[in-house]
Protein backbone atom coordinates (compact mmCIF):
# COMPACT_ATOMS: atom_id res chain seq x y z
CA UNK A 1 0.00 0.00 0.00
CA UNK A 2 1.60 3.27 -1.12
CA UNK A 3 0.78 6.50 0.71
CA UNK A 4 1.58 9.83 -0.89
CA UNK A 5 2.11 13.23 0.64
CA UNK A 6 -0.72 15.71 0.02
CA UNK A 7 0.52 17.68 -1.83
CA UNK A 8 4.26 17.37 -2.47
CA UNK A 9 5.75 20.88 -2.44
CA UNK A 10 8.26 22.03 -5.03
CA UNK A 11 10.76 22.93 -2.30
CA UNK A 12 11.22 21.38 1.15
CA UNK A 13 10.20 23.52 4.11
CA UNK A 14 12.52 25.99 5.76
CA UNK A 15 12.29 27.49 9.23
CA UNK A 16 8.94 29.18 9.85
CA UNK A 17 7.34 27.51 6.81
CA UNK A 18 4.22 25.37 7.19
CA UNK A 19 5.15 21.70 7.43
CA UNK A 20 3.96 19.70 4.39
CA UNK A 21 0.69 17.92 5.07
CA UNK A 22 0.61 14.13 4.73
CA UNK A 23 -1.56 11.11 5.41
CA UNK A 24 0.30 7.89 6.05
CA UNK A 25 0.07 4.38 7.41
CA UNK A 26 2.04 3.88 10.62
CA UNK A 27 2.67 1.20 13.22
CA UNK A 28 -0.21 2.74 15.19
CA UNK A 29 -2.71 3.22 12.38
CA UNK A 30 -3.28 6.05 9.95
CA UNK A 31 -1.80 9.43 10.84
CA UNK A 32 -1.96 12.89 9.28
CA UNK A 33 0.11 15.90 10.18
CA UNK A 34 -3.06 17.73 11.15
CA UNK A 35 -3.68 15.07 13.84
CA UNK A 36 -0.95 16.83 15.83
CA UNK A 37 -2.38 20.33 15.68
CA UNK A 38 -2.63 21.85 19.13
CA UNK A 39 0.57 20.28 20.43
CA UNK A 40 4.26 20.22 19.58
CA UNK A 41 5.64 17.47 17.36
CA UNK A 42 9.15 16.05 17.06
CA UNK A 43 9.11 14.45 13.59
CA UNK A 44 12.27 12.50 12.83
CA UNK A 45 13.56 10.09 10.22
CA UNK A 46 15.93 7.16 10.51
CA UNK A 47 17.99 5.55 7.73
CA UNK A 48 16.68 1.99 8.05
CA UNK A 49 15.15 -0.59 10.36
CA UNK A 50 17.40 -3.17 12.02
CA UNK A 51 20.41 -0.84 12.11
CA UNK A 52 22.46 -0.36 15.30
CA UNK A 53 22.55 3.44 15.62
CA UNK A 54 18.82 3.67 14.92
CA UNK A 55 18.09 0.98 17.50
CA UNK A 56 20.03 2.92 20.14
CA UNK A 57 18.06 6.05 19.29
CA UNK A 58 14.66 4.37 19.39
CA UNK A 59 15.42 2.87 22.79
CA UNK A 60 16.50 6.32 24.03
CA UNK A 61 13.43 8.04 22.54
CA UNK A 62 11.14 5.44 24.09
CA UNK A 63 12.73 5.86 27.52
CA UNK A 64 12.29 9.64 27.25
CA UNK A 65 8.75 9.52 25.85
CA UNK A 66 7.18 10.60 29.15
CA UNK A 67 9.50 13.61 29.32
CA UNK A 68 8.48 14.70 25.82
CA UNK A 69 4.84 14.19 26.78
CA UNK A 70 5.37 16.47 29.80
CA UNK A 71 6.35 19.16 27.28
CA UNK A 72 3.15 18.43 25.34
CA UNK A 73 5.35 17.16 22.50
CA UNK A 74 4.47 14.06 20.48
CA UNK A 75 7.02 11.81 18.78
CA UNK A 76 6.62 10.61 15.19
CA UNK A 77 9.22 8.62 13.24
CA UNK A 78 9.62 7.80 9.54
CA UNK A 79 11.71 5.67 7.23
CA UNK A 80 11.28 4.32 3.72
CA UNK A 81 10.94 0.77 5.06
CA UNK A 82 7.60 -1.01 4.89
CA UNK A 83 5.08 -1.26 7.70
CA UNK A 84 5.86 -4.96 8.15
CA UNK A 85 9.56 -4.22 8.48
CA UNK A 86 8.75 -1.62 11.13
CA UNK A 87 6.57 -4.06 13.05
CA UNK A 88 9.23 -6.77 12.96
CA UNK A 89 11.84 -4.31 14.18
CA UNK A 90 9.64 -3.17 17.07
CA UNK A 91 9.24 -6.80 18.08
CA UNK A 92 13.02 -7.22 17.98
CA UNK A 93 13.63 -4.09 20.08
CA UNK A 94 11.21 -5.29 22.73
CA UNK A 95 12.78 -8.75 22.79
CA UNK A 96 16.39 -7.57 22.86
CA UNK A 97 16.16 -4.39 24.96
CA UNK A 98 12.97 -4.85 26.94
CA UNK A 99 11.66 -1.53 25.60
CA UNK A 100 8.30 -0.95 23.94
CA UNK A 101 8.13 1.76 21.29
CA UNK A 102 5.00 3.74 22.10
CA UNK A 103 5.16 6.29 19.28
CA UNK A 104 4.16 5.63 15.64
CA UNK A 105 6.58 4.96 12.79
CA UNK A 106 5.49 5.99 9.29
CA UNK A 107 6.10 3.70 6.33
CA UNK A 108 7.18 5.66 3.26
CA UNK A 109 8.15 3.17 0.52
CA UNK A 110 7.29 5.67 -2.22
CA UNK A 111 9.55 8.24 -0.50
CA UNK A 112 6.88 10.88 -1.13
CA UNK A 113 6.82 12.20 2.44
CA UNK A 114 10.60 12.03 2.75
CA UNK A 115 11.03 14.04 -0.45
CA UNK A 116 8.42 16.60 0.59
CA UNK A 117 10.48 17.33 3.71
CA UNK A 118 13.79 17.28 1.84
CA UNK A 119 15.03 14.19 3.67
CA UNK A 120 16.20 12.60 0.44
CA UNK A 121 18.17 14.75 -1.97
CA UNK A 122 18.72 14.30 -5.68
CA UNK A 123 22.44 13.60 -5.20
CA UNK A 124 21.99 11.06 -2.40
CA UNK A 125 23.97 7.84 -2.93
CA UNK A 126 20.94 5.73 -1.94
CA UNK A 127 17.47 6.08 -0.49
CA UNK A 128 18.61 5.84 3.14
CA UNK A 129 17.53 8.98 4.96
CA UNK A 130 19.93 11.02 6.97
CA UNK A 131 18.85 11.53 10.56
CA UNK A 132 16.56 14.51 10.10
CA UNK A 133 14.64 16.18 12.93
CA UNK A 134 11.81 18.65 12.44
CA UNK A 135 10.28 20.39 15.44
CA UNK A 136 6.77 21.49 14.43
CA UNK A 137 4.73 23.82 16.60
CA UNK A 138 1.04 23.49 17.53
CA UNK A 139 -0.13 25.40 14.44
CA UNK A 140 1.94 23.31 12.04
CA UNK A 141 4.92 25.61 11.52
CA UNK A 142 8.47 24.25 11.28
CA UNK A 143 10.43 25.79 14.14
CA UNK A 144 13.69 23.84 14.02
CA UNK A 145 15.50 21.56 11.56
CA UNK A 146 18.49 19.41 12.46
CA UNK A 147 20.51 16.99 10.34
CA UNK A 148 22.73 14.19 11.58
CA UNK A 149 24.90 11.85 9.51
CA UNK A 150 24.14 8.13 9.41
CA UNK A 151 27.06 7.39 11.73
CA UNK A 152 26.04 9.72 14.56
CA UNK A 153 23.18 9.13 16.95
CA UNK A 154 21.08 12.00 18.17
CA UNK A 155 21.35 13.48 21.67
CA UNK A 156 17.93 13.06 23.25
CA UNK A 157 18.71 15.44 26.09
CA UNK A 158 19.47 18.19 23.58
CA UNK A 159 16.21 17.58 21.73
CA UNK A 160 14.30 17.82 25.01
CA UNK A 161 16.16 21.05 25.79
CA UNK A 162 15.36 22.40 22.32
CA UNK A 163 11.63 21.79 22.66
CA UNK A 164 11.63 23.30 26.15
CA UNK A 165 13.51 26.37 24.87
CA UNK A 166 11.06 26.91 22.00
CA UNK A 167 8.11 26.60 24.34
CA UNK A 168 9.69 29.02 26.80
CA UNK A 169 10.43 31.59 24.10
CA UNK A 170 6.87 31.42 22.80
CA UNK A 171 5.23 31.57 26.22
CA UNK A 172 7.30 34.40 27.66
CA UNK A 173 8.52 36.32 24.59
CA UNK A 174 12.15 35.87 25.55
CA UNK A 175 15.26 34.23 24.12
CA UNK A 176 17.43 31.54 25.66
CA UNK A 177 21.22 31.92 25.91
CA UNK A 178 23.91 29.38 25.07
CA UNK A 179 23.72 26.21 27.16
CA UNK A 180 20.36 27.27 28.59
CA UNK A 181 18.46 24.61 30.50
CA UNK A 182 14.94 24.75 31.97
CA UNK A 183 15.02 26.84 35.14
CA UNK A 184 17.93 29.01 33.99
CA UNK A 185 17.67 32.75 33.41
CA UNK A 186 16.47 33.88 30.00
CA UNK A 187 17.43 36.82 27.79
CA UNK A 188 15.01 39.72 28.10
CA UNK A 189 14.30 41.60 24.85
CA UNK A 190 16.42 44.76 24.64
CA UNK A 191 14.66 48.14 24.96
CA UNK A 192 13.21 49.51 21.75
CA UNK A 193 13.38 53.11 22.96
CA UNK A 194 15.31 55.18 25.48
CA UNK A 195 12.87 54.07 28.17
CA UNK A 196 14.67 51.52 30.28
CA UNK A 197 17.92 52.06 28.42
CA UNK A 198 19.73 53.30 31.50
CA UNK A 199 18.50 50.77 34.03
CA UNK A 200 21.35 49.42 36.21
CA UNK A 201 22.98 46.25 34.94
CA UNK A 202 25.51 43.86 36.35
CA UNK A 203 28.93 42.72 35.20
CA UNK A 204 28.89 40.81 31.93
CA UNK A 205 25.71 42.52 30.73
CA UNK A 206 24.86 45.56 28.65
CA UNK A 207 21.74 47.32 27.43
CA UNK A 208 21.34 44.80 24.59
CA UNK A 209 22.10 41.74 26.75
CA UNK A 210 20.19 41.39 29.99
CA UNK A 211 19.07 38.19 31.68
CA UNK A 212 16.30 37.55 34.17
CA UNK A 213 14.52 34.58 35.70
CA UNK A 214 11.07 33.57 34.56
CA UNK A 215 8.49 34.41 37.17
CA UNK A 216 6.06 31.58 37.83
CA UNK A 217 3.54 33.69 39.78
CA UNK A 218 1.49 35.56 38.87
CA UNK A 219 1.01 33.92 35.50
CA UNK A 220 0.40 37.24 33.75
CA UNK A 221 3.93 38.42 34.52
CA UNK A 222 6.44 36.64 32.36
CA UNK A 223 9.76 37.77 33.75
CA UNK A 224 10.94 39.77 36.69
CA UNK A 225 13.81 42.16 36.27
CA UNK A 226 16.96 41.13 38.05
CA UNK A 227 20.03 43.25 38.65
CA UNK A 228 23.13 41.11 38.86
CA UNK A 229 25.54 42.32 41.47
CA UNK A 230 29.25 41.64 41.66
C-alpha atoms as a PDB file:
ATOM      1  CA  UNK A   1       0.000   0.000   0.000  1.00  0.00           C
ATOM      2  CA  UNK A   2       1.601   3.268  -1.118  1.00  0.00           C
ATOM      3  CA  UNK A   3       0.782   6.501   0.710  1.00  0.00           C
ATOM      4  CA  UNK A   4       1.583   9.826  -0.886  1.00  0.00           C
ATOM      5  CA  UNK A   5       2.108  13.234   0.639  1.00  0.00           C
ATOM      6  CA  UNK A   6      -0.723  15.711   0.024  1.00  0.00           C
ATOM      7  CA  UNK A   7       0.515  17.684  -1.832  1.00  0.00           C
ATOM      8  CA  UNK A   8       4.258  17.374  -2.467  1.00  0.00           C
ATOM      9  CA  UNK A   9       5.746  20.879  -2.442  1.00  0.00           C
ATOM     10  CA  UNK A  10       8.258  22.028  -5.028  1.00  0.00           C
ATOM     11  CA  UNK A  11      10.758  22.932  -2.302  1.00  0.00           C
ATOM     12  CA  UNK A  12      11.219  21.384   1.146  1.00  0.00           C
ATOM     13  CA  UNK A  13      10.195  23.525   4.113  1.00  0.00           C
ATOM     14  CA  UNK A  14      12.520  25.990   5.763  1.00  0.00           C
ATOM     15  CA  UNK A  15      12.286  27.487   9.233  1.00  0.00           C
ATOM     16  CA  UNK A  16       8.937  29.182   9.847  1.00  0.00           C
ATOM     17  CA  UNK A  17       7.344  27.509   6.809  1.00  0.00           C
ATOM     18  CA  UNK A  18       4.218  25.373   7.188  1.00  0.00           C
ATOM     19  CA  UNK A  19       5.153  21.704   7.429  1.00  0.00           C
ATOM     20  CA  UNK A  20       3.956  19.699   4.389  1.00  0.00           C
ATOM     21  CA  UNK A  21       0.688  17.917   5.074  1.00  0.00           C
ATOM     22  CA  UNK A  22       0.610  14.125   4.729  1.00  0.00           C
ATOM     23  CA  UNK A  23      -1.561  11.110   5.412  1.00  0.00           C
ATOM     24  CA  UNK A  24       0.298   7.890   6.046  1.00  0.00           C
ATOM     25  CA  UNK A  25       0.074   4.382   7.412  1.00  0.00           C
ATOM     26  CA  UNK A  26       2.038   3.879  10.620  1.00  0.00           C
ATOM     27  CA  UNK A  27       2.669   1.201  13.223  1.00  0.00           C
ATOM     28  CA  UNK A  28      -0.211   2.735  15.190  1.00  0.00           C
ATOM     29  CA  UNK A  29      -2.715   3.222  12.385  1.00  0.00           C
ATOM     30  CA  UNK A  30      -3.277   6.053   9.954  1.00  0.00           C
ATOM     31  CA  UNK A  31      -1.802   9.432  10.840  1.00  0.00           C
ATOM     32  CA  UNK A  32      -1.960  12.888   9.277  1.00  0.00           C
ATOM     33  CA  UNK A  33       0.112  15.903  10.184  1.00  0.00           C
ATOM     34  CA  UNK A  34      -3.062  17.732  11.154  1.00  0.00           C
ATOM     35  CA  UNK A  35      -3.677  15.073  13.836  1.00  0.00           C
ATOM     36  CA  UNK A  36      -0.954  16.825  15.831  1.00  0.00           C
ATOM     37  CA  UNK A  37      -2.382  20.335  15.685  1.00  0.00           C
ATOM     38  CA  UNK A  38      -2.634  21.853  19.127  1.00  0.00           C
ATOM     39  CA  UNK A  39       0.572  20.284  20.425  1.00  0.00           C
ATOM     40  CA  UNK A  40       4.261  20.216  19.579  1.00  0.00           C
ATOM     41  CA  UNK A  41       5.640  17.467  17.362  1.00  0.00           C
ATOM     42  CA  UNK A  42       9.146  16.046  17.056  1.00  0.00           C
ATOM     43  CA  UNK A  43       9.107  14.448  13.592  1.00  0.00           C
ATOM     44  CA  UNK A  44      12.270  12.496  12.831  1.00  0.00           C
ATOM     45  CA  UNK A  45      13.562  10.094  10.218  1.00  0.00           C
ATOM     46  CA  UNK A  46      15.928   7.159  10.512  1.00  0.00           C
ATOM     47  CA  UNK A  47      17.991   5.550   7.726  1.00  0.00           C
ATOM     48  CA  UNK A  48      16.684   1.987   8.055  1.00  0.00           C
ATOM     49  CA  UNK A  49      15.153  -0.591  10.355  1.00  0.00           C
ATOM     50  CA  UNK A  50      17.402  -3.168  12.018  1.00  0.00           C
ATOM     51  CA  UNK A  51      20.408  -0.840  12.110  1.00  0.00           C
ATOM     52  CA  UNK A  52      22.455  -0.360  15.297  1.00  0.00           C
ATOM     53  CA  UNK A  53      22.548   3.436  15.624  1.00  0.00           C
ATOM     54  CA  UNK A  54      18.822   3.669  14.917  1.00  0.00           C
ATOM     55  CA  UNK A  55      18.094   0.976  17.499  1.00  0.00           C
ATOM     56  CA  UNK A  56      20.026   2.918  20.143  1.00  0.00           C
ATOM     57  CA  UNK A  57      18.055   6.047  19.292  1.00  0.00           C
ATOM     58  CA  UNK A  58      14.658   4.370  19.388  1.00  0.00           C
ATOM     59  CA  UNK A  59      15.425   2.868  22.786  1.00  0.00           C
ATOM     60  CA  UNK A  60      16.498   6.315  24.029  1.00  0.00           C
ATOM     61  CA  UNK A  61      13.433   8.042  22.542  1.00  0.00           C
ATOM     62  CA  UNK A  62      11.137   5.438  24.094  1.00  0.00           C
ATOM     63  CA  UNK A  63      12.725   5.855  27.520  1.00  0.00           C
ATOM     64  CA  UNK A  64      12.295   9.644  27.248  1.00  0.00           C
ATOM     65  CA  UNK A  65       8.745   9.522  25.852  1.00  0.00           C
ATOM     66  CA  UNK A  66       7.176  10.605  29.150  1.00  0.00           C
ATOM     67  CA  UNK A  67       9.498  13.615  29.318  1.00  0.00           C
ATOM     68  CA  UNK A  68       8.484  14.700  25.815  1.00  0.00           C
ATOM     69  CA  UNK A  69       4.835  14.187  26.784  1.00  0.00           C
ATOM     70  CA  UNK A  70       5.373  16.470  29.796  1.00  0.00           C
ATOM     71  CA  UNK A  71       6.352  19.161  27.278  1.00  0.00           C
ATOM     72  CA  UNK A  72       3.151  18.426  25.339  1.00  0.00           C
ATOM     73  CA  UNK A  73       5.351  17.160  22.502  1.00  0.00           C
ATOM     74  CA  UNK A  74       4.470  14.058  20.477  1.00  0.00           C
ATOM     75  CA  UNK A  75       7.020  11.806  18.783  1.00  0.00           C
ATOM     76  CA  UNK A  76       6.623  10.607  15.189  1.00  0.00           C
ATOM     77  CA  UNK A  77       9.220   8.623  13.236  1.00  0.00           C
ATOM     78  CA  UNK A  78       9.618   7.802   9.539  1.00  0.00           C
ATOM     79  CA  UNK A  79      11.713   5.666   7.227  1.00  0.00           C
ATOM     80  CA  UNK A  80      11.283   4.318   3.717  1.00  0.00           C
ATOM     81  CA  UNK A  81      10.942   0.771   5.061  1.00  0.00           C
ATOM     82  CA  UNK A  82       7.601  -1.010   4.893  1.00  0.00           C
ATOM     83  CA  UNK A  83       5.083  -1.260   7.696  1.00  0.00           C
ATOM     84  CA  UNK A  84       5.861  -4.962   8.149  1.00  0.00           C
ATOM     85  CA  UNK A  85       9.560  -4.217   8.478  1.00  0.00           C
ATOM     86  CA  UNK A  86       8.746  -1.616  11.126  1.00  0.00           C
ATOM     87  CA  UNK A  87       6.573  -4.062  13.051  1.00  0.00           C
ATOM     88  CA  UNK A  88       9.226  -6.773  12.965  1.00  0.00           C
ATOM     89  CA  UNK A  89      11.838  -4.312  14.175  1.00  0.00           C
ATOM     90  CA  UNK A  90       9.643  -3.167  17.070  1.00  0.00           C
ATOM     91  CA  UNK A  91       9.242  -6.802  18.084  1.00  0.00           C
ATOM     92  CA  UNK A  92      13.022  -7.224  17.981  1.00  0.00           C
ATOM     93  CA  UNK A  93      13.626  -4.091  20.082  1.00  0.00           C
ATOM     94  CA  UNK A  94      11.205  -5.293  22.727  1.00  0.00           C
ATOM     95  CA  UNK A  95      12.776  -8.748  22.791  1.00  0.00           C
ATOM     96  CA  UNK A  96      16.391  -7.567  22.863  1.00  0.00           C
ATOM     97  CA  UNK A  97      16.163  -4.386  24.964  1.00  0.00           C
ATOM     98  CA  UNK A  98      12.966  -4.849  26.943  1.00  0.00           C
ATOM     99  CA  UNK A  99      11.658  -1.533  25.598  1.00  0.00           C
ATOM    100  CA  UNK A 100       8.297  -0.955  23.936  1.00  0.00           C
ATOM    101  CA  UNK A 101       8.135   1.759  21.289  1.00  0.00           C
ATOM    102  CA  UNK A 102       5.002   3.738  22.103  1.00  0.00           C
ATOM    103  CA  UNK A 103       5.156   6.294  19.279  1.00  0.00           C
ATOM    104  CA  UNK A 104       4.159   5.629  15.645  1.00  0.00           C
ATOM    105  CA  UNK A 105       6.577   4.965  12.786  1.00  0.00           C
ATOM    106  CA  UNK A 106       5.487   5.991   9.286  1.00  0.00           C
ATOM    107  CA  UNK A 107       6.100   3.699   6.332  1.00  0.00           C
ATOM    108  CA  UNK A 108       7.179   5.656   3.260  1.00  0.00           C
ATOM    109  CA  UNK A 109       8.149   3.173   0.523  1.00  0.00           C
ATOM    110  CA  UNK A 110       7.289   5.668  -2.225  1.00  0.00           C
ATOM    111  CA  UNK A 111       9.550   8.243  -0.500  1.00  0.00           C
ATOM    112  CA  UNK A 112       6.881  10.883  -1.125  1.00  0.00           C
ATOM    113  CA  UNK A 113       6.823  12.204   2.442  1.00  0.00           C
ATOM    114  CA  UNK A 114      10.599  12.030   2.752  1.00  0.00           C
ATOM    115  CA  UNK A 115      11.029  14.039  -0.446  1.00  0.00           C
ATOM    116  CA  UNK A 116       8.423  16.602   0.594  1.00  0.00           C
ATOM    117  CA  UNK A 117      10.476  17.329   3.713  1.00  0.00           C
ATOM    118  CA  UNK A 118      13.794  17.281   1.840  1.00  0.00           C
ATOM    119  CA  UNK A 119      15.027  14.194   3.669  1.00  0.00           C
ATOM    120  CA  UNK A 120      16.204  12.596   0.437  1.00  0.00           C
ATOM    121  CA  UNK A 121      18.172  14.754  -1.970  1.00  0.00           C
ATOM    122  CA  UNK A 122      18.718  14.295  -5.679  1.00  0.00           C
ATOM    123  CA  UNK A 123      22.437  13.598  -5.200  1.00  0.00           C
ATOM    124  CA  UNK A 124      21.995  11.056  -2.402  1.00  0.00           C
ATOM    125  CA  UNK A 125      23.969   7.843  -2.928  1.00  0.00           C
ATOM    126  CA  UNK A 126      20.944   5.733  -1.943  1.00  0.00           C
ATOM    127  CA  UNK A 127      17.475   6.082  -0.489  1.00  0.00           C
ATOM    128  CA  UNK A 128      18.612   5.844   3.136  1.00  0.00           C
ATOM    129  CA  UNK A 129      17.525   8.980   4.958  1.00  0.00           C
ATOM    130  CA  UNK A 130      19.934  11.022   6.974  1.00  0.00           C
ATOM    131  CA  UNK A 131      18.848  11.530  10.562  1.00  0.00           C
ATOM    132  CA  UNK A 132      16.557  14.513  10.102  1.00  0.00           C
ATOM    133  CA  UNK A 133      14.645  16.178  12.933  1.00  0.00           C
ATOM    134  CA  UNK A 134      11.812  18.648  12.440  1.00  0.00           C
ATOM    135  CA  UNK A 135      10.281  20.387  15.443  1.00  0.00           C
ATOM    136  CA  UNK A 136       6.775  21.487  14.427  1.00  0.00           C
ATOM    137  CA  UNK A 137       4.733  23.824  16.598  1.00  0.00           C
ATOM    138  CA  UNK A 138       1.039  23.493  17.528  1.00  0.00           C
ATOM    139  CA  UNK A 139      -0.134  25.402  14.443  1.00  0.00           C
ATOM    140  CA  UNK A 140       1.936  23.305  12.038  1.00  0.00           C
ATOM    141  CA  UNK A 141       4.920  25.613  11.517  1.00  0.00           C
ATOM    142  CA  UNK A 142       8.474  24.252  11.282  1.00  0.00           C
ATOM    143  CA  UNK A 143      10.434  25.793  14.141  1.00  0.00           C
ATOM    144  CA  UNK A 144      13.690  23.836  14.020  1.00  0.00           C
ATOM    145  CA  UNK A 145      15.504  21.563  11.563  1.00  0.00           C
ATOM    146  CA  UNK A 146      18.489  19.411  12.463  1.00  0.00           C
ATOM    147  CA  UNK A 147      20.508  16.987  10.344  1.00  0.00           C
ATOM    148  CA  UNK A 148      22.728  14.190  11.577  1.00  0.00           C
ATOM    149  CA  UNK A 149      24.898  11.850   9.512  1.00  0.00           C
ATOM    150  CA  UNK A 150      24.142   8.135   9.414  1.00  0.00           C
ATOM    151  CA  UNK A 151      27.059   7.385  11.730  1.00  0.00           C
ATOM    152  CA  UNK A 152      26.037   9.722  14.561  1.00  0.00           C
ATOM    153  CA  UNK A 153      23.181   9.126  16.952  1.00  0.00           C
ATOM    154  CA  UNK A 154      21.076  12.005  18.175  1.00  0.00           C
ATOM    155  CA  UNK A 155      21.354  13.484  21.666  1.00  0.00           C
ATOM    156  CA  UNK A 156      17.926  13.059  23.245  1.00  0.00           C
ATOM    157  CA  UNK A 157      18.714  15.444  26.088  1.00  0.00           C
ATOM    158  CA  UNK A 158      19.475  18.194  23.581  1.00  0.00           C
ATOM    159  CA  UNK A 159      16.210  17.576  21.733  1.00  0.00           C
ATOM    160  CA  UNK A 160      14.299  17.825  25.014  1.00  0.00           C
ATOM    161  CA  UNK A 161      16.163  21.049  25.788  1.00  0.00           C
ATOM    162  CA  UNK A 162      15.363  22.402  22.321  1.00  0.00           C
ATOM    163  CA  UNK A 163      11.627  21.790  22.656  1.00  0.00           C
ATOM    164  CA  UNK A 164      11.630  23.300  26.153  1.00  0.00           C
ATOM    165  CA  UNK A 165      13.510  26.368  24.869  1.00  0.00           C
ATOM    166  CA  UNK A 166      11.064  26.914  22.002  1.00  0.00           C
ATOM    167  CA  UNK A 167       8.107  26.598  24.339  1.00  0.00           C
ATOM    168  CA  UNK A 168       9.692  29.017  26.798  1.00  0.00           C
ATOM    169  CA  UNK A 169      10.432  31.586  24.103  1.00  0.00           C
ATOM    170  CA  UNK A 170       6.865  31.424  22.801  1.00  0.00           C
ATOM    171  CA  UNK A 171       5.230  31.565  26.216  1.00  0.00           C
ATOM    172  CA  UNK A 172       7.303  34.397  27.663  1.00  0.00           C
ATOM    173  CA  UNK A 173       8.520  36.325  24.589  1.00  0.00           C
ATOM    174  CA  UNK A 174      12.150  35.875  25.555  1.00  0.00           C
ATOM    175  CA  UNK A 175      15.260  34.231  24.120  1.00  0.00           C
ATOM    176  CA  UNK A 176      17.434  31.542  25.664  1.00  0.00           C
ATOM    177  CA  UNK A 177      21.219  31.916  25.908  1.00  0.00           C
ATOM    178  CA  UNK A 178      23.908  29.383  25.074  1.00  0.00           C
ATOM    179  CA  UNK A 179      23.722  26.211  27.162  1.00  0.00           C
ATOM    180  CA  UNK A 180      20.364  27.269  28.591  1.00  0.00           C
ATOM    181  CA  UNK A 181      18.458  24.610  30.503  1.00  0.00           C
ATOM    182  CA  UNK A 182      14.944  24.750  31.967  1.00  0.00           C
ATOM    183  CA  UNK A 183      15.025  26.837  35.139  1.00  0.00           C
ATOM    184  CA  UNK A 184      17.930  29.011  33.993  1.00  0.00           C
ATOM    185  CA  UNK A 185      17.666  32.751  33.408  1.00  0.00           C
ATOM    186  CA  UNK A 186      16.468  33.881  29.998  1.00  0.00           C
ATOM    187  CA  UNK A 187      17.431  36.818  27.794  1.00  0.00           C
ATOM    188  CA  UNK A 188      15.015  39.720  28.097  1.00  0.00           C
ATOM    189  CA  UNK A 189      14.300  41.600  24.846  1.00  0.00           C
ATOM    190  CA  UNK A 190      16.421  44.765  24.640  1.00  0.00           C
ATOM    191  CA  UNK A 191      14.661  48.135  24.959  1.00  0.00           C
ATOM    192  CA  UNK A 192      13.214  49.511  21.753  1.00  0.00           C
ATOM    193  CA  UNK A 193      13.384  53.111  22.956  1.00  0.00           C
ATOM    194  CA  UNK A 194      15.311  55.181  25.485  1.00  0.00           C
ATOM    195  CA  UNK A 195      12.872  54.070  28.168  1.00  0.00           C
ATOM    196  CA  UNK A 196      14.668  51.516  30.282  1.00  0.00           C
ATOM    197  CA  UNK A 197      17.923  52.055  28.417  1.00  0.00           C
ATOM    198  CA  UNK A 198      19.730  53.302  31.503  1.00  0.00           C
ATOM    199  CA  UNK A 199      18.504  50.769  34.027  1.00  0.00           C
ATOM    200  CA  UNK A 200      21.350  49.423  36.214  1.00  0.00           C
ATOM    201  CA  UNK A 201      22.984  46.253  34.940  1.00  0.00           C
ATOM    202  CA  UNK A 202      25.508  43.863  36.352  1.00  0.00           C
ATOM    203  CA  UNK A 203      28.930  42.715  35.198  1.00  0.00           C
ATOM    204  CA  UNK A 204      28.894  40.815  31.932  1.00  0.00           C
ATOM    205  CA  UNK A 205      25.706  42.523  30.734  1.00  0.00           C
ATOM    206  CA  UNK A 206      24.865  45.558  28.648  1.00  0.00           C
ATOM    207  CA  UNK A 207      21.735  47.322  27.428  1.00  0.00           C
ATOM    208  CA  UNK A 208      21.340  44.800  24.586  1.00  0.00           C
ATOM    209  CA  UNK A 209      22.096  41.742  26.752  1.00  0.00           C
ATOM    210  CA  UNK A 210      20.187  41.390  29.989  1.00  0.00           C
ATOM    211  CA  UNK A 211      19.067  38.194  31.683  1.00  0.00           C
ATOM    212  CA  UNK A 212      16.297  37.550  34.166  1.00  0.00           C
ATOM    213  CA  UNK A 213      14.524  34.583  35.701  1.00  0.00           C
ATOM    214  CA  UNK A 214      11.069  33.569  34.557  1.00  0.00           C
ATOM    215  CA  UNK A 215       8.488  34.413  37.169  1.00  0.00           C
ATOM    216  CA  UNK A 216       6.059  31.576  37.830  1.00  0.00           C
ATOM    217  CA  UNK A 217       3.537  33.688  39.784  1.00  0.00           C
ATOM    218  CA  UNK A 218       1.490  35.560  38.867  1.00  0.00           C
ATOM    219  CA  UNK A 219       1.007  33.918  35.500  1.00  0.00           C
ATOM    220  CA  UNK A 220       0.396  37.240  33.753  1.00  0.00           C
ATOM    221  CA  UNK A 221       3.929  38.419  34.519  1.00  0.00           C
ATOM    222  CA  UNK A 222       6.442  36.636  32.362  1.00  0.00           C
ATOM    223  CA  UNK A 223       9.764  37.775  33.749  1.00  0.00           C
ATOM    224  CA  UNK A 224      10.936  39.775  36.692  1.00  0.00           C
ATOM    225  CA  UNK A 225      13.815  42.162  36.270  1.00  0.00           C
ATOM    226  CA  UNK A 226      16.958  41.130  38.048  1.00  0.00           C
ATOM    227  CA  UNK A 227      20.035  43.246  38.655  1.00  0.00           C
ATOM    228  CA  UNK A 228      23.125  41.110  38.859  1.00  0.00           C
ATOM    229  CA  UNK A 229      25.540  42.319  41.470  1.00  0.00           C
ATOM    230  CA  UNK A 230      29.251  41.636  41.657  1.00  0.00           C
END
